[in-house]
Amino acid sequence: MESLTKKKQFLLLQFCLLLLACTTLPEFGFSVGDIAGALFGGGGLSIPVIIARIIGIIGSGMALYWFYGNAADKLPLSFLCSAAGGIVLTLITLFPGTPDWLGYIAVAALFAALYLAKDSLDVDWKQESTQGAYLILLATLVHLYYNNIENKLTMAVAALIALFIFIKALGTFGVSMDNEGAKGVSKLKVAAWIGIVASAIMLLLGWIPLIGMAIGIIICIVNLVAFIIEFMGYGCLTRSATVGREGQTGAAKLHTSMIIGIAAAVLGIIPVVGIAGKIIAFIGFWLVLQGWTKIILGLEQDKEQLDSPQY
C-alpha cells in the first residue's frame, strides 16, 4: 500500500507541474497587477488562468513536500533544484516588470523536473499498460487546458501534439486489456484521430474570416461525434476486469468529467456566465486526475496481488 501511495503522490506532482508549466509560458504570463485588474474588472487576464496557476503551485508544492519528508534517501539535487526552482520562479514571474526570459527558464525547469521525476523518486511501473495510462493522463491535461482555459496558438500546437501522444499511449495502455477494455481503447483511438483532424483543420483554416466561420460550425459537429465515441469508450472501461474495481471507479469518474466538460462548454458560450463555465471546468480537471490515477492504481494493485506470495 505504501508503494501505491507513493505512486498517487507522484501522479499528483506530475499533473500539477505540467499544469504549472502551461500557465507559466510567457505568452500567458501575468503579474500581481494583472491579478488585481482581473479581480476588480480591469486587465485582460482570465481568472481561470490565475486559478490554474494557484492549483499548480499548491498541488506540486504539497506533493514535493511529501516526497521530501518520506524519502528513504536524499532526493537527487538535480531534480530538487529543477522542481523547487521551477515553482519558485513561477512565483517570481507574478511580479510586474519580470522579464519574459525568466518565464522561459521557469518552463524549462518544470519540464526538466517532469523528465527527471520518475527515476529521481524511484517510481517503477509494474505493468506496461500503466506507463501508457500515465502518458494519457498528461496528454489529456494539455488538451483540457487548451479546450477549457487558454486557446492561444502555443497551446493549440501543444494540444495537437498531445493528441498524438494520447494515441501512442493508448497502444501501450491496451496491450493487456480484456475484451471490454480493448473495445474502450479502440473507441478512444477513433475519437482522438477525429480530434487530430479537427484541430489540424482549425489551425490551417480557422483564421480565414468567412471560411473560418463555416469551418468552425463543421468542427463543432465533428467534435460532438468525437465526444460521443469517447464517452462510449470510457463506458467500456467501466466494465473492464483488467483495470480492477479501482480502475472501473476511475473510468466512471472520467465519464462524469466529460459530462461536466459539456456543461462547462455550454456555459462558456453564454456571455454573462461564460466565466462560470471555465471555473466549473476545473472540477472536470480534478475528476480526470482522479479517474486516471484510479485506473493506474487499479492496474498496479492487481499486479502487486499477483506477485505477492500465496500461502
Protein backbone atom coordinates (compact mmCIF):
# COMPACT_ATOMS: atom_id res chain seq x y z
CA MET A 1 0.00 0.00 0.00
CA GLU A 2 2.94 2.32 0.68
CA SER A 3 4.04 1.84 -2.93
CA LEU A 4 0.58 2.79 -4.21
CA THR A 5 0.52 5.91 -2.00
CA LYS A 6 3.87 6.92 -3.43
CA LYS A 7 2.59 6.48 -6.98
CA LYS A 8 -0.52 8.50 -6.17
CA GLN A 9 1.64 11.39 -4.92
CA PHE A 10 3.86 11.05 -8.00
CA LEU A 11 0.86 11.42 -10.32
CA LEU A 12 -0.33 14.47 -8.37
CA LEU A 13 3.13 16.03 -8.64
CA GLN A 14 3.44 15.42 -12.38
CA PHE A 15 -0.09 16.63 -13.09
CA CYS A 16 0.44 19.87 -11.17
CA LEU A 17 3.92 20.52 -12.59
CA LEU A 18 2.56 20.19 -16.11
CA LEU A 19 -0.41 22.42 -15.28
CA LEU A 20 2.01 24.97 -13.85
CA ALA A 21 4.16 24.82 -16.99
CA CYS A 22 1.09 25.53 -19.17
CA THR A 23 0.26 28.65 -17.16
CA THR A 24 3.87 29.89 -16.97
CA LEU A 25 4.53 30.21 -20.70
CA PRO A 26 5.32 33.93 -21.25
CA GLU A 27 2.52 34.11 -23.82
CA PHE A 28 0.12 33.57 -20.90
CA GLY A 29 2.27 35.34 -18.29
CA PHE A 30 0.71 37.66 -15.74
CA SER A 31 1.70 39.75 -12.75
CA VAL A 32 0.28 40.82 -9.42
CA GLY A 33 -1.08 43.91 -11.17
CA ASP A 34 -2.86 41.71 -13.73
CA ILE A 35 -4.44 39.71 -10.91
CA ALA A 36 -5.79 42.87 -9.30
CA GLY A 37 -7.09 44.02 -12.66
CA ALA A 38 -8.82 40.70 -13.32
CA LEU A 39 -10.43 40.58 -9.89
CA PHE A 40 -11.67 44.17 -10.00
CA GLY A 41 -12.86 44.28 -13.58
CA GLY A 42 -9.79 45.51 -15.45
CA GLY A 43 -6.95 43.93 -17.37
CA GLY A 44 -7.07 41.20 -20.00
CA LEU A 45 -6.14 38.20 -17.88
CA SER A 46 -8.73 35.49 -17.36
CA ILE A 47 -9.43 34.39 -13.81
CA PRO A 48 -9.26 30.66 -14.81
CA VAL A 49 -5.56 31.11 -15.69
CA ILE A 50 -4.98 32.54 -12.20
CA ILE A 51 -6.82 29.60 -10.62
CA ALA A 52 -4.82 27.12 -12.72
CA ARG A 53 -1.56 28.77 -11.61
CA ILE A 54 -2.58 28.64 -7.92
CA ILE A 55 -3.66 24.98 -8.19
CA GLY A 56 -0.37 24.10 -9.88
CA ILE A 57 1.74 25.81 -7.22
CA ILE A 58 -0.16 24.38 -4.25
CA GLY A 59 -0.54 20.86 -5.66
CA SER A 60 3.06 20.45 -6.82
CA GLY A 61 4.36 22.04 -3.62
CA MET A 62 2.38 19.65 -1.41
CA ALA A 63 3.45 16.58 -3.39
CA LEU A 64 7.10 17.66 -3.43
CA TYR A 65 6.98 18.23 0.33
CA TRP A 66 5.51 14.73 0.79
CA PHE A 67 8.39 13.17 -1.14
CA TYR A 68 10.94 15.29 0.72
CA GLY A 69 9.55 14.12 4.08
CA ASN A 70 9.08 10.45 3.16
CA ALA A 71 12.14 9.72 1.01
CA ALA A 72 14.39 6.97 2.36
CA ASP A 73 17.41 8.77 0.92
CA LYS A 74 18.03 12.38 -0.05
CA LEU A 75 16.31 13.42 -3.25
CA PRO A 76 18.70 13.95 -6.20
CA LEU A 77 19.87 17.57 -6.25
CA SER A 78 19.19 17.94 -9.98
CA PHE A 79 15.53 17.02 -9.55
CA LEU A 80 15.07 19.01 -6.35
CA CYS A 81 16.58 22.15 -7.88
CA SER A 82 14.56 21.90 -11.10
CA ALA A 83 11.24 21.19 -9.34
CA ALA A 84 11.59 23.63 -6.44
CA GLY A 85 13.35 26.18 -8.67
CA GLY A 86 10.59 26.00 -11.28
CA ILE A 87 7.89 26.54 -8.64
CA VAL A 88 9.78 29.48 -7.09
CA LEU A 89 10.40 31.09 -10.49
CA THR A 90 6.70 30.92 -11.32
CA LEU A 91 6.06 32.88 -8.12
CA ILE A 92 8.69 35.47 -9.09
CA THR A 93 7.13 35.93 -12.53
CA LEU A 94 3.95 37.14 -10.81
CA PHE A 95 5.60 40.48 -10.07
CA PRO A 96 5.48 43.41 -12.51
CA GLY A 97 8.48 44.01 -14.72
CA THR A 98 9.69 40.41 -14.67
CA PRO A 99 11.47 39.73 -17.99
CA ASP A 100 10.00 37.13 -20.36
CA TRP A 101 13.19 35.09 -20.37
CA LEU A 102 12.66 34.28 -16.69
CA GLY A 103 9.36 32.67 -17.67
CA TYR A 104 11.17 30.54 -20.23
CA ILE A 105 13.66 29.42 -17.58
CA ALA A 106 10.77 28.52 -15.27
CA VAL A 107 9.12 26.43 -18.01
CA ALA A 108 12.43 24.71 -18.81
CA ALA A 109 12.96 23.90 -15.11
CA LEU A 110 9.44 22.49 -14.78
CA PHE A 111 9.82 20.26 -17.84
CA ALA A 112 13.23 19.12 -16.56
CA ALA A 113 11.56 18.15 -13.27
CA LEU A 114 8.84 16.27 -15.18
CA TYR A 115 11.52 14.33 -17.06
CA LEU A 116 13.69 13.58 -14.01
CA ALA A 117 10.88 12.76 -11.57
CA LYS A 118 10.30 9.07 -12.33
CA ASP A 119 13.91 7.97 -11.81
CA SER A 120 14.64 10.54 -9.08
CA LEU A 121 11.66 9.46 -6.99
CA ASP A 122 12.24 5.76 -7.73
CA VAL A 123 8.80 5.16 -9.19
CA ASP A 124 8.57 1.85 -11.02
CA TRP A 125 5.50 0.82 -13.02
CA LYS A 126 4.80 -2.89 -12.68
CA GLN A 127 2.81 -3.11 -15.91
CA GLU A 128 3.40 -1.79 -19.42
CA SER A 129 -0.23 -0.68 -19.53
CA THR A 130 0.40 1.62 -16.57
CA GLN A 131 3.04 3.59 -18.47
CA GLY A 132 0.50 4.14 -21.22
CA ALA A 133 -2.16 5.32 -18.75
CA TYR A 134 0.36 7.72 -17.17
CA LEU A 135 1.15 9.36 -20.52
CA ILE A 136 -2.58 9.51 -21.34
CA LEU A 137 -3.15 11.44 -18.10
CA LEU A 138 -0.55 14.07 -19.02
CA ALA A 139 -1.70 14.35 -22.64
CA THR A 140 -5.32 14.73 -21.50
CA LEU A 141 -4.35 17.59 -19.18
CA VAL A 142 -2.73 19.56 -22.01
CA HIS A 143 -5.75 19.08 -24.26
CA LEU A 144 -8.20 20.01 -21.49
CA TYR A 145 -6.21 23.14 -20.70
CA TYR A 146 -6.40 24.20 -24.34
CA ASN A 147 -10.13 23.45 -24.64
CA ASN A 148 -11.24 24.99 -21.36
CA ILE A 149 -8.70 27.56 -20.16
CA GLU A 150 -6.45 29.08 -22.82
CA ASN A 151 -6.75 28.54 -26.59
CA LYS A 152 -3.90 30.65 -27.95
CA LEU A 153 -1.58 29.42 -30.69
CA THR A 154 1.14 27.90 -28.48
CA MET A 155 -1.40 25.80 -26.57
CA ALA A 156 -3.19 24.87 -29.82
CA VAL A 157 0.03 23.33 -31.15
CA ALA A 158 0.73 21.68 -27.78
CA ALA A 159 -2.79 20.23 -27.70
CA LEU A 160 -2.36 18.78 -31.20
CA ILE A 161 0.94 17.14 -30.18
CA ALA A 162 -0.78 15.87 -27.03
CA LEU A 163 -3.38 14.07 -29.15
CA PHE A 164 -0.63 12.18 -31.00
CA ILE A 165 0.93 11.23 -27.64
CA PHE A 166 -2.54 10.19 -26.44
CA ILE A 167 -2.96 7.79 -29.40
CA LYS A 168 0.54 6.31 -28.99
CA ALA A 169 -0.02 5.88 -25.25
CA LEU A 170 -3.35 4.14 -25.91
CA GLY A 171 -1.42 1.49 -27.84
CA THR A 172 0.70 0.82 -24.74
CA PHE A 173 -2.29 1.03 -22.41
CA GLY A 174 -4.23 -1.55 -24.43
CA VAL A 175 -1.58 -4.28 -24.61
CA SER A 176 -3.07 -6.36 -21.78
CA MET A 177 -6.72 -5.30 -21.89
CA ASP A 178 -9.58 -7.78 -21.85
CA ASN A 179 -12.35 -7.66 -24.47
CA GLU A 180 -14.23 -4.72 -22.91
CA GLY A 181 -11.01 -2.83 -22.28
CA ALA A 182 -9.86 -3.38 -25.88
CA LYS A 183 -13.20 -2.04 -27.15
CA GLY A 184 -12.77 1.03 -24.98
CA VAL A 185 -9.22 1.67 -26.20
CA SER A 186 -10.34 1.28 -29.83
CA LYS A 187 -13.11 3.85 -29.38
CA LEU A 188 -10.77 6.27 -27.63
CA LYS A 189 -8.33 6.00 -30.55
CA VAL A 190 -11.07 6.78 -33.08
CA ALA A 191 -12.16 9.80 -31.03
CA ALA A 192 -8.55 11.02 -30.80
CA TRP A 193 -7.96 10.72 -34.56
CA ILE A 194 -11.14 12.71 -35.20
CA GLY A 195 -9.83 15.31 -32.76
CA ILE A 196 -6.49 15.49 -34.57
CA VAL A 197 -8.15 16.06 -37.95
CA ALA A 198 -10.48 18.71 -36.48
CA SER A 199 -7.62 20.51 -34.70
CA ALA A 200 -5.40 20.49 -37.80
CA ILE A 201 -8.17 21.94 -39.96
CA MET A 202 -8.85 24.70 -37.42
CA LEU A 203 -5.15 25.59 -37.24
CA LEU A 204 -4.85 25.77 -41.03
CA LEU A 205 -8.18 27.35 -41.99
CA GLY A 206 -9.82 28.68 -38.83
CA TRP A 207 -8.13 32.09 -39.11
CA ILE A 208 -9.69 32.89 -42.51
CA PRO A 209 -12.70 35.20 -41.81
CA LEU A 210 -15.51 33.75 -43.98
CA ILE A 211 -14.23 30.20 -44.36
CA GLY A 212 -13.25 30.09 -40.70
CA MET A 213 -16.83 30.61 -39.53
CA ALA A 214 -18.18 27.78 -41.69
CA ILE A 215 -15.29 25.54 -40.69
CA GLY A 216 -15.98 26.33 -37.03
CA ILE A 217 -19.57 25.09 -37.30
CA ILE A 218 -18.49 21.88 -39.04
CA ILE A 219 -15.75 21.31 -36.44
CA CYS A 220 -18.30 21.68 -33.63
CA ILE A 221 -20.38 18.89 -35.17
CA VAL A 222 -17.31 16.71 -35.71
CA ASN A 223 -16.18 17.30 -32.10
CA LEU A 224 -19.63 16.26 -30.87
CA VAL A 225 -19.24 12.96 -32.73
CA ALA A 226 -15.79 12.50 -31.18
CA PHE A 227 -17.27 13.26 -27.75
CA ILE A 228 -19.93 10.55 -28.12
CA ILE A 229 -17.36 7.96 -29.24
CA GLU A 230 -15.00 8.89 -26.39
CA PHE A 231 -17.88 8.71 -23.92
CA MET A 232 -18.69 5.18 -25.15
CA GLY A 233 -15.00 4.26 -24.82
CA TYR A 234 -14.87 5.19 -21.15
CA GLY A 235 -18.14 3.28 -20.72
CA CYS A 236 -16.36 0.13 -21.94
CA LEU A 237 -13.53 0.72 -19.44
CA THR A 238 -16.07 0.80 -16.57
CA ARG A 239 -16.80 -2.84 -17.47
CA SER A 240 -13.20 -3.96 -17.95
CA ALA A 241 -11.98 -6.53 -15.43
CA THR A 242 -8.34 -5.76 -16.33
CA VAL A 243 -8.34 -2.39 -14.56
CA GLY A 244 -9.93 -3.89 -11.42
CA ARG A 245 -12.64 -2.34 -9.28
CA GLU A 246 -10.44 0.66 -8.54
CA GLY A 247 -9.92 1.29 -12.23
CA GLN A 248 -13.61 0.82 -13.02
CA THR A 249 -14.40 3.53 -10.46
CA GLY A 250 -11.79 5.70 -12.16
CA ALA A 251 -13.36 5.16 -15.59
CA ALA A 252 -16.72 6.20 -14.12
CA LYS A 253 -15.10 9.44 -12.92
CA LEU A 254 -13.82 10.05 -16.45
CA HIS A 255 -17.40 9.54 -17.64
CA THR A 256 -18.55 12.20 -15.19
CA SER A 257 -15.73 14.58 -16.18
CA MET A 258 -16.96 14.52 -19.77
CA ILE A 259 -20.49 15.47 -18.70
CA ILE A 260 -19.07 18.35 -16.68
CA GLY A 261 -16.98 19.31 -19.71
CA ILE A 262 -20.13 19.62 -21.84
CA ALA A 263 -21.81 21.72 -19.15
CA ALA A 264 -18.75 23.97 -18.95
CA ALA A 265 -18.65 24.33 -22.75
CA VAL A 266 -22.32 25.31 -22.92
CA LEU A 267 -21.91 27.87 -20.14
CA GLY A 268 -18.74 29.13 -21.82
CA ILE A 269 -20.60 30.38 -24.89
CA ILE A 270 -23.09 32.40 -22.81
CA PRO A 271 -21.63 35.93 -22.42
CA VAL A 272 -22.83 36.66 -18.87
CA VAL A 273 -21.96 33.31 -17.29
CA GLY A 274 -19.06 32.30 -19.54
CA ILE A 275 -16.51 32.68 -16.76
CA ALA A 276 -18.53 30.25 -14.61
CA GLY A 277 -18.15 27.61 -17.31
CA LYS A 278 -14.36 27.87 -17.21
CA ILE A 279 -14.31 27.67 -13.42
CA ILE A 280 -16.60 24.62 -13.47
CA ALA A 281 -14.13 23.04 -15.91
CA PHE A 282 -11.66 22.71 -13.02
CA ILE A 283 -13.99 20.11 -11.47
CA GLY A 284 -13.51 18.17 -14.69
CA PHE A 285 -9.72 18.58 -14.35
CA TRP A 286 -9.83 17.10 -10.87
CA LEU A 287 -12.02 14.18 -11.99
CA VAL A 288 -9.62 13.42 -14.86
CA LEU A 289 -6.71 13.31 -12.40
CA GLN A 290 -8.70 11.12 -10.01
CA GLY A 291 -10.00 8.91 -12.81
CA TRP A 292 -6.69 8.05 -14.45
CA THR A 293 -4.99 7.79 -11.05
CA LYS A 294 -7.53 5.14 -10.03
CA ILE A 295 -7.07 3.28 -13.31
CA ILE A 296 -3.29 3.30 -12.82
CA LEU A 297 -3.57 2.20 -9.18
CA GLY A 298 -6.08 -0.48 -10.19
CA LEU A 299 -3.60 -1.91 -12.70
CA GLU A 300 -0.71 -1.70 -10.25
CA GLN A 301 -2.69 -3.13 -7.33
CA ASP A 302 -3.79 -6.11 -9.42
CA LYS A 303 -0.16 -6.77 -10.42
CA GLU A 304 1.07 -6.48 -6.83
CA GLN A 305 -1.54 -9.02 -5.70
CA LEU A 306 -0.48 -11.42 -8.45
CA ASP A 307 3.19 -11.01 -7.48
CA SER A 308 2.53 -11.49 -3.74
CA PRO A 309 3.48 -14.91 -2.36
CA GLN A 310 0.48 -17.17 -1.81
CA TYR A 311 0.29 -19.21 1.41
